[in-house]
Amino acid sequence: MSIWESVTSAAFGLLRRIAGSEPDDMATRKITFTIGVIALSAKMAKADGQVTQDEVDAFQAIFKVPAHELKNVARVYDMAKRDTAGFEVYARQVAALFTDRAIVLEELIDALFYIAKADGSVHPSELDFLKKVATIFGFSDAKFDCLAARHIGPDRSSPYVVLGIDPSISDEDLKATYRRLIKENHPDHLMALGLPREFIQVATDRLAAITVAYERVRAQRTQ
């Protein structure tokens, strides 16, 4: 069964008690994560005052919502957008599921950035929202700046930014970093860590970007 099919029956009860719930089985953990993602996506899109169709389309494209579940997921999305609990509750719930798996949380921040810039720009209020979520996830300011640079920084097309490394890095450390990033961001690895199958598109795209960036750095160094 797709995780989306579980949302319809469980979402509304979980949304009302999520602040005090403590997921204790895999099915509940997956549902809690899915609802957290929907809520964070909706609230992030609303951070600049309005939710655009581009942002909704980006959410549906990134998380591969099946056509037959669009209406049900939209109901949860709209409910989360109206919820008075606040985004912090959902961010803490998601963070608690992956306390020792920061790479999954990093993928989620990347996905939220994709949604934020879907309407053509990342509004300062959206950037502030994303930074607060990243802080709840346990990321330092420096780490958040690195994540943001991939999407909105002046050097976001730099292969060094994509890889999160300094241009002075040695060839040996470059290769080691590349191998680590490939292992950490491989969809199979992320699913083994608990990321639902429906959420791997961002990881797949990022894996391709890492490989391209690595090859660009290698090509520059052999010129």
C-alpha atoms as a PDB file:
ATOM      1  CA  MET A   1       0.000   0.000   0.000  1.00  0.00           C
ATOM      2  CA  SER A   2       1.244   3.466  -0.877  1.00  0.00           C
ATOM      3  CA  ILE A   3       1.887   5.786   2.033  1.00  0.00           C
ATOM      4  CA  TRP A   4      -0.549   8.241   0.437  1.00  0.00           C
ATOM      5  CA  GLU A   5      -3.365   5.719   0.773  1.00  0.00           C
ATOM      6  CA  SER A   6      -2.798   5.710   4.513  1.00  0.00           C
ATOM      7  CA  VAL A   7      -3.071   9.467   4.773  1.00  0.00           C
ATOM      8  CA  THR A   8      -6.787   9.725   4.127  1.00  0.00           C
ATOM      9  CA  SER A   9      -7.814   7.470   6.985  1.00  0.00           C
ATOM     10  CA  ALA A  10      -5.244   8.660   9.519  1.00  0.00           C
ATOM     11  CA  ALA A  11      -4.450  12.281   8.747  1.00  0.00           C
ATOM     12  CA  PHE A  12      -7.213  14.134  10.484  1.00  0.00           C
ATOM     13  CA  GLY A  13      -6.863  12.344  13.819  1.00  0.00           C
ATOM     14  CA  LEU A  14      -3.080  12.704  13.755  1.00  0.00           C
ATOM     15  CA  LEU A  15      -3.228  16.381  12.828  1.00  0.00           C
ATOM     16  CA  ARG A  16      -5.366  17.053  15.900  1.00  0.00           C
ATOM     17  CA  ARG A  17      -3.157  15.178  18.358  1.00  0.00           C
ATOM     18  CA  ILE A  18       0.243  15.283  16.661  1.00  0.00           C
ATOM     19  CA  ALA A  19       1.778  17.626  19.242  1.00  0.00           C
ATOM     20  CA  GLY A  20       1.313  15.040  21.961  1.00  0.00           C
ATOM     21  CA  SER A  21       1.750  11.859  19.936  1.00  0.00           C
ATOM     22  CA  GLU A  22       4.781   9.637  20.061  1.00  0.00           C
ATOM     23  CA  PRO A  23       4.960   7.329  17.012  1.00  0.00           C
ATOM     24  CA  ASP A  24       5.706   3.804  18.174  1.00  0.00           C
ATOM     25  CA  ASP A  25       5.473   1.686  15.038  1.00  0.00           C
ATOM     26  CA  MET A  26       6.707   1.919  11.458  1.00  0.00           C
ATOM     27  CA  ALA A  27       3.279   2.556   9.916  1.00  0.00           C
ATOM     28  CA  THR A  28       2.550   5.388  12.335  1.00  0.00           C
ATOM     29  CA  ARG A  29       6.053   6.807  11.822  1.00  0.00           C
ATOM     30  CA  LYS A  30       5.564   6.897   8.059  1.00  0.00           C
ATOM     31  CA  ILE A  31       2.161   8.533   8.359  1.00  0.00           C
ATOM     32  CA  THR A  32       3.496  11.066  10.864  1.00  0.00           C
ATOM     33  CA  PHE A  33       6.381  11.877   8.511  1.00  0.00           C
ATOM     34  CA  THR A  34       4.095  12.207   5.506  1.00  0.00           C
ATOM     35  CA  ILE A  35       1.683  14.498   7.305  1.00  0.00           C
ATOM     36  CA  GLY A  36       4.605  16.518   8.656  1.00  0.00           C
ATOM     37  CA  VAL A  37       5.901  16.987   5.116  1.00  0.00           C
ATOM     38  CA  ILE A  38       2.478  18.071   3.847  1.00  0.00           C
ATOM     39  CA  ALA A  39       2.067  20.519   6.737  1.00  0.00           C
ATOM     40  CA  LEU A  40       5.557  22.011   6.412  1.00  0.00           C
ATOM     41  CA  SER A  41       5.134  22.354   2.640  1.00  0.00           C
ATOM     42  CA  ALA A  42       1.789  24.120   3.038  1.00  0.00           C
ATOM     43  CA  LYS A  43       2.988  26.448   5.777  1.00  0.00           C
ATOM     44  CA  MET A  44       6.210  27.267   3.936  1.00  0.00           C
ATOM     45  CA  ALA A  45       4.251  28.126   0.781  1.00  0.00           C
ATOM     46  CA  LYS A  46       2.012  30.365   2.897  1.00  0.00           C
ATOM     47  CA  ALA A  47       4.975  32.107   4.583  1.00  0.00           C
ATOM     48  CA  ASP A  48       4.992  34.962   2.043  1.00  0.00           C
ATOM     49  CA  GLY A  49       1.254  35.514   2.439  1.00  0.00           C
ATOM     50  CA  GLN A  50      -0.114  33.450  -0.416  1.00  0.00           C
ATOM     51  CA  VAL A  51       0.089  29.923  -1.756  1.00  0.00           C
ATOM     52  CA  THR A  52       0.585  29.943  -5.521  1.00  0.00           C
ATOM     53  CA  GLN A  53      -0.415  27.187  -7.923  1.00  0.00           C
ATOM     54  CA  ASP A  54       3.257  26.879  -8.912  1.00  0.00           C
ATOM     55  CA  GLU A  55       4.104  25.936  -5.322  1.00  0.00           C
ATOM     56  CA  VAL A  56       1.280  23.413  -5.138  1.00  0.00           C
ATOM     57  CA  ASP A  57       2.371  21.905  -8.466  1.00  0.00           C
ATOM     58  CA  ALA A  58       5.978  21.711  -7.225  1.00  0.00           C
ATOM     59  CA  PHE A  59       4.867  19.871  -4.096  1.00  0.00           C
ATOM     60  CA  GLN A  60       2.869  17.357  -6.128  1.00  0.00           C
ATOM     61  CA  ALA A  61       5.728  16.854  -8.595  1.00  0.00           C
ATOM     62  CA  ILE A  62       8.459  16.391  -5.998  1.00  0.00           C
ATOM     63  CA  PHE A  63       6.512  14.008  -3.797  1.00  0.00           C
ATOM     64  CA  LYS A  64       4.823  12.120  -6.633  1.00  0.00           C
ATOM     65  CA  VAL A  65       1.269  12.193  -5.309  1.00  0.00           C
ATOM     66  CA  PRO A  66      -0.792   9.659  -7.325  1.00  0.00           C
ATOM     67  CA  ALA A  67      -3.584  11.216  -9.376  1.00  0.00           C
ATOM     68  CA  HIS A  68      -6.247   9.277  -7.491  1.00  0.00           C
ATOM     69  CA  GLU A  69      -4.950  10.623  -4.158  1.00  0.00           C
ATOM     70  CA  LEU A  70      -4.614  14.286  -5.169  1.00  0.00           C
ATOM     71  CA  LYS A  71      -8.002  15.262  -3.722  1.00  0.00           C
ATOM     72  CA  ASN A  72      -7.331  13.557  -0.396  1.00  0.00           C
ATOM     73  CA  VAL A  73      -3.820  14.980  -0.049  1.00  0.00           C
ATOM     74  CA  ALA A  74      -5.177  18.413  -0.993  1.00  0.00           C
ATOM     75  CA  ARG A  75      -7.652  18.169   1.901  1.00  0.00           C
ATOM     76  CA  VAL A  76      -4.803  17.486   4.326  1.00  0.00           C
ATOM     77  CA  TYR A  77      -2.726  20.260   2.723  1.00  0.00           C
ATOM     78  CA  ASP A  78      -5.563  22.761   3.163  1.00  0.00           C
ATOM     79  CA  MET A  79      -6.223  21.623   6.709  1.00  0.00           C
ATOM     80  CA  ALA A  80      -2.558  21.972   7.634  1.00  0.00           C
ATOM     81  CA  LYS A  81      -2.513  25.456   6.143  1.00  0.00           C
ATOM     82  CA  ARG A  82      -5.329  26.482   8.502  1.00  0.00           C
ATOM     83  CA  ASP A  83      -3.992  24.662  11.558  1.00  0.00           C
ATOM     84  CA  THR A  84      -3.182  26.929  14.504  1.00  0.00           C
ATOM     85  CA  ALA A  85      -0.615  24.509  15.993  1.00  0.00           C
ATOM     86  CA  GLY A  86       2.246  26.161  14.093  1.00  0.00           C
ATOM     87  CA  PHE A  87       4.979  24.766  11.881  1.00  0.00           C
ATOM     88  CA  GLU A  88       7.318  24.190  14.849  1.00  0.00           C
ATOM     89  CA  VAL A  89       5.153  21.295  16.030  1.00  0.00           C
ATOM     90  CA  TYR A  90       5.448  19.487  12.715  1.00  0.00           C
ATOM     91  CA  ALA A  91       9.155  20.245  12.362  1.00  0.00           C
ATOM     92  CA  ARG A  92       9.848  18.787  15.814  1.00  0.00           C
ATOM     93  CA  GLN A  93       7.783  15.699  15.029  1.00  0.00           C
ATOM     94  CA  VAL A  94       9.711  15.065  11.815  1.00  0.00           C
ATOM     95  CA  ALA A  95      13.059  15.794  13.498  1.00  0.00           C
ATOM     96  CA  ALA A  96      12.258  13.318  16.275  1.00  0.00           C
ATOM     97  CA  LEU A  97      11.800  10.552  13.692  1.00  0.00           C
ATOM     98  CA  PHE A  98      15.324  11.057  12.307  1.00  0.00           C
ATOM     99  CA  THR A  99      17.460  12.147  15.246  1.00  0.00           C
ATOM    100  CA  ASP A 100      20.399  10.092  13.981  1.00  0.00           C
ATOM    101  CA  ARG A 101      19.666  10.390  10.240  1.00  0.00           C
ATOM    102  CA  ALA A 102      20.329  14.022   9.384  1.00  0.00           C
ATOM    103  CA  ILE A 103      20.668  13.232   5.682  1.00  0.00           C
ATOM    104  CA  VAL A 104      16.911  12.542   5.484  1.00  0.00           C
ATOM    105  CA  LEU A 105      16.179  15.918   7.070  1.00  0.00           C
ATOM    106  CA  GLU A 106      18.622  17.545   4.651  1.00  0.00           C
ATOM    107  CA  GLU A 107      16.687  16.059   1.727  1.00  0.00           C
ATOM    108  CA  LEU A 108      13.485  17.524   3.155  1.00  0.00           C
ATOM    109  CA  ILE A 109      15.015  21.008   3.451  1.00  0.00           C
ATOM    110  CA  ASP A 110      16.103  20.690  -0.190  1.00  0.00           C
ATOM    111  CA  ALA A 111      12.552  19.755  -1.175  1.00  0.00           C
ATOM    112  CA  LEU A 112      11.118  22.750   0.688  1.00  0.00           C
ATOM    113  CA  PHE A 113      13.573  25.011  -1.147  1.00  0.00           C
ATOM    114  CA  TYR A 114      12.353  23.616  -4.480  1.00  0.00           C
ATOM    115  CA  ILE A 115       8.785  24.478  -3.498  1.00  0.00           C
ATOM    116  CA  ALA A 116       9.750  27.923  -2.195  1.00  0.00           C
ATOM    117  CA  LYS A 117      11.385  28.945  -5.466  1.00  0.00           C
ATOM    118  CA  ALA A 118       8.692  27.417  -7.688  1.00  0.00           C
ATOM    119  CA  ASP A 119       6.981  30.795  -8.095  1.00  0.00           C
ATOM    120  CA  GLY A 120      10.180  32.408  -9.347  1.00  0.00           C
ATOM    121  CA  SER A 121      11.869  33.571  -6.161  1.00  0.00           C
ATOM    122  CA  VAL A 122      12.386  32.770  -2.495  1.00  0.00           C
ATOM    123  CA  HIS A 123      10.737  35.487  -0.416  1.00  0.00           C
ATOM    124  CA  PRO A 124      12.653  36.662   2.689  1.00  0.00           C
ATOM    125  CA  SER A 125       9.839  35.372   4.890  1.00  0.00           C
ATOM    126  CA  GLU A 126      10.120  31.953   3.225  1.00  0.00           C
ATOM    127  CA  LEU A 127      13.870  31.960   3.773  1.00  0.00           C
ATOM    128  CA  ASP A 128      13.305  32.841   7.430  1.00  0.00           C
ATOM    129  CA  PHE A 129      10.798  29.987   7.713  1.00  0.00           C
ATOM    130  CA  LEU A 130      13.253  27.534   6.167  1.00  0.00           C
ATOM    131  CA  LYS A 131      16.044  28.643   8.491  1.00  0.00           C
ATOM    132  CA  LYS A 132      13.822  28.121  11.534  1.00  0.00           C
ATOM    133  CA  VAL A 133      12.873  24.638  10.331  1.00  0.00           C
ATOM    134  CA  ALA A 134      16.549  23.842   9.720  1.00  0.00           C
ATOM    135  CA  THR A 135      17.387  24.992  13.254  1.00  0.00           C
ATOM    136  CA  ILE A 136      14.718  22.693  14.694  1.00  0.00           C
ATOM    137  CA  PHE A 137      16.197  19.902  12.562  1.00  0.00           C
ATOM    138  CA  GLY A 138      19.522  20.527  14.302  1.00  0.00           C
ATOM    139  CA  PHE A 139      21.429  22.183  11.455  1.00  0.00           C
ATOM    140  CA  SER A 140      23.930  24.928  12.236  1.00  0.00           C
ATOM    141  CA  ASP A 141      23.740  28.352  10.599  1.00  0.00           C
ATOM    142  CA  ALA A 142      26.766  27.401   8.479  1.00  0.00           C
ATOM    143  CA  LYS A 143      25.073  24.218   7.282  1.00  0.00           C
ATOM    144  CA  PHE A 144      21.895  26.086   6.417  1.00  0.00           C
ATOM    145  CA  ASP A 145      23.883  28.677   4.488  1.00  0.00           C
ATOM    146  CA  CYS A 146      25.424  25.833   2.469  1.00  0.00           C
ATOM    147  CA  LEU A 147      21.996  24.338   1.733  1.00  0.00           C
ATOM    148  CA  ALA A 148      20.603  27.746   0.780  1.00  0.00           C
ATOM    149  CA  ALA A 149      23.563  28.492  -1.500  1.00  0.00           C
ATOM    150  CA  ARG A 150      22.630  25.501  -3.670  1.00  0.00           C
ATOM    151  CA  HIS A 151      19.315  27.149  -4.451  1.00  0.00           C
ATOM    152  CA  ILE A 152      19.601  30.927  -4.130  1.00  0.00           C
ATOM    153  CA  GLY A 153      23.257  31.805  -3.587  1.00  0.00           C
ATOM    154  CA  PRO A 154      25.258  33.728  -6.184  1.00  0.00           C
ATOM    155  CA  ASP A 155      27.472  30.659  -6.661  1.00  0.00           C
ATOM    156  CA  ARG A 156      24.683  28.071  -6.700  1.00  0.00           C
ATOM    157  CA  SER A 157      25.916  26.745 -10.046  1.00  0.00           C
ATOM    158  CA  SER A 158      29.426  26.211  -8.687  1.00  0.00           C
ATOM    159  CA  PRO A 159      30.329  22.524  -8.426  1.00  0.00           C
ATOM    160  CA  TYR A 160      32.101  23.295  -5.157  1.00  0.00           C
ATOM    161  CA  VAL A 161      28.860  24.657  -3.682  1.00  0.00           C
ATOM    162  CA  VAL A 162      26.937  21.594  -4.845  1.00  0.00           C
ATOM    163  CA  LEU A 163      29.500  19.351  -3.176  1.00  0.00           C
ATOM    164  CA  GLY A 164      29.763  21.561  -0.095  1.00  0.00           C
ATOM    165  CA  ILE A 165      33.556  21.749  -0.298  1.00  0.00           C
ATOM    166  CA  ASP A 166      36.275  24.382  -0.455  1.00  0.00           C
ATOM    167  CA  PRO A 167      38.104  24.849  -3.781  1.00  0.00           C
ATOM    168  CA  SER A 168      41.391  24.203  -1.957  1.00  0.00           C
ATOM    169  CA  ILE A 169      40.402  20.619  -1.136  1.00  0.00           C
ATOM    170  CA  SER A 170      42.976  17.989  -2.133  1.00  0.00           C
ATOM    171  CA  ASP A 171      42.250  15.469  -4.887  1.00  0.00           C
ATOM    172  CA  GLU A 172      42.258  12.661  -2.326  1.00  0.00           C
ATOM    173  CA  ASP A 173      39.768  14.412  -0.040  1.00  0.00           C
ATOM    174  CA  LEU A 174      37.664  15.371  -3.044  1.00  0.00           C
ATOM    175  CA  LYS A 175      37.315  11.742  -4.046  1.00  0.00           C
ATOM    176  CA  ALA A 176      36.530  10.710  -0.467  1.00  0.00           C
ATOM    177  CA  THR A 177      33.872  13.425  -0.163  1.00  0.00           C
ATOM    178  CA  TYR A 178      32.302  12.402  -3.450  1.00  0.00           C
ATOM    179  CA  ARG A 179      32.097   8.751  -2.406  1.00  0.00           C
ATOM    180  CA  ARG A 180      30.551   9.720   0.947  1.00  0.00           C
ATOM    181  CA  LEU A 181      27.948  11.951  -0.705  1.00  0.00           C
ATOM    182  CA  ILE A 182      27.026   9.266  -3.217  1.00  0.00           C
ATOM    183  CA  LYS A 183      26.540   6.744  -0.427  1.00  0.00           C
ATOM    184  CA  GLU A 184      24.571   9.123   1.791  1.00  0.00           C
ATOM    185  CA  ASN A 185      22.270  10.370  -0.967  1.00  0.00           C
ATOM    186  CA  HIS A 186      21.595   7.091  -2.756  1.00  0.00           C
ATOM    187  CA  PRO A 187      17.816   6.485  -2.812  1.00  0.00           C
ATOM    188  CA  ASP A 188      18.208   2.878  -1.615  1.00  0.00           C
ATOM    189  CA  HIS A 189      20.215   4.088   1.376  1.00  0.00           C
ATOM    190  CA  LEU A 190      17.656   6.766   2.203  1.00  0.00           C
ATOM    191  CA  MET A 191      14.775   4.313   1.999  1.00  0.00           C
ATOM    192  CA  ALA A 192      16.674   1.988   4.323  1.00  0.00           C
ATOM    193  CA  LEU A 193      16.854   4.894   6.770  1.00  0.00           C
ATOM    194  CA  GLY A 194      13.084   5.239   6.685  1.00  0.00           C
ATOM    195  CA  LEU A 195      12.400   7.671   3.837  1.00  0.00           C
ATOM    196  CA  PRO A 196       9.165   6.554   2.103  1.00  0.00           C
ATOM    197  CA  ARG A 197       9.529   5.541  -1.532  1.00  0.00           C
ATOM    198  CA  GLU A 198       7.335   8.441  -2.635  1.00  0.00           C
ATOM    199  CA  PHE A 199       9.867  10.996  -1.349  1.00  0.00           C
ATOM    200  CA  ILE A 200      13.005   9.959  -3.215  1.00  0.00           C
ATOM    201  CA  GLN A 201      12.751  12.171  -6.312  1.00  0.00           C
ATOM    202  CA  VAL A 202      14.705  15.011  -4.705  1.00  0.00           C
ATOM    203  CA  ALA A 203      17.397  12.529  -3.642  1.00  0.00           C
ATOM    204  CA  THR A 204      17.607  11.132  -7.172  1.00  0.00           C
ATOM    205  CA  ASP A 205      17.987  14.603  -8.681  1.00  0.00           C
ATOM    206  CA  ARG A 206      20.544  15.571  -6.079  1.00  0.00           C
ATOM    207  CA  LEU A 207      22.539  12.395  -6.716  1.00  0.00           C
ATOM    208  CA  ALA A 208      22.761  13.327 -10.382  1.00  0.00           C
ATOM    209  CA  ALA A 209      23.805  16.890  -9.477  1.00  0.00           C
ATOM    210  CA  ILE A 210      26.558  15.567  -7.190  1.00  0.00           C
ATOM    211  CA  THR A 211      27.962  13.374  -9.957  1.00  0.00           C
ATOM    212  CA  VAL A 212      27.897  16.216 -12.498  1.00  0.00           C
ATOM    213  CA  ALA A 213      29.573  18.569 -10.004  1.00  0.00           C
ATOM    214  CA  TYR A 214      32.301  16.048  -9.234  1.00  0.00           C
ATOM    215  CA  GLU A 215      33.028  15.489 -12.913  1.00  0.00           C
ATOM    216  CA  ARG A 216      33.195  19.265 -13.474  1.00  0.00           C
ATOM    217  CA  VAL A 217      35.734  19.684 -10.679  1.00  0.00           C
ATOM    218  CA  ARG A 218      37.825  16.815 -12.025  1.00  0.00           C
ATOM    219  CA  ALA A 219      37.701  18.286 -15.536  1.00  0.00           C
ATOM    220  CA  GLN A 220      38.802  21.696 -14.255  1.00  0.00           C
ATOM    221  CA  ARG A 221      41.741  20.144 -12.447  1.00  0.00           C
ATOM    222  CA  THR A 222      42.993  18.268 -15.497  1.00  0.00           C
ATOM    223  CA  GLN A 223      42.988  21.270 -17.818  1.00  0.00           C
END
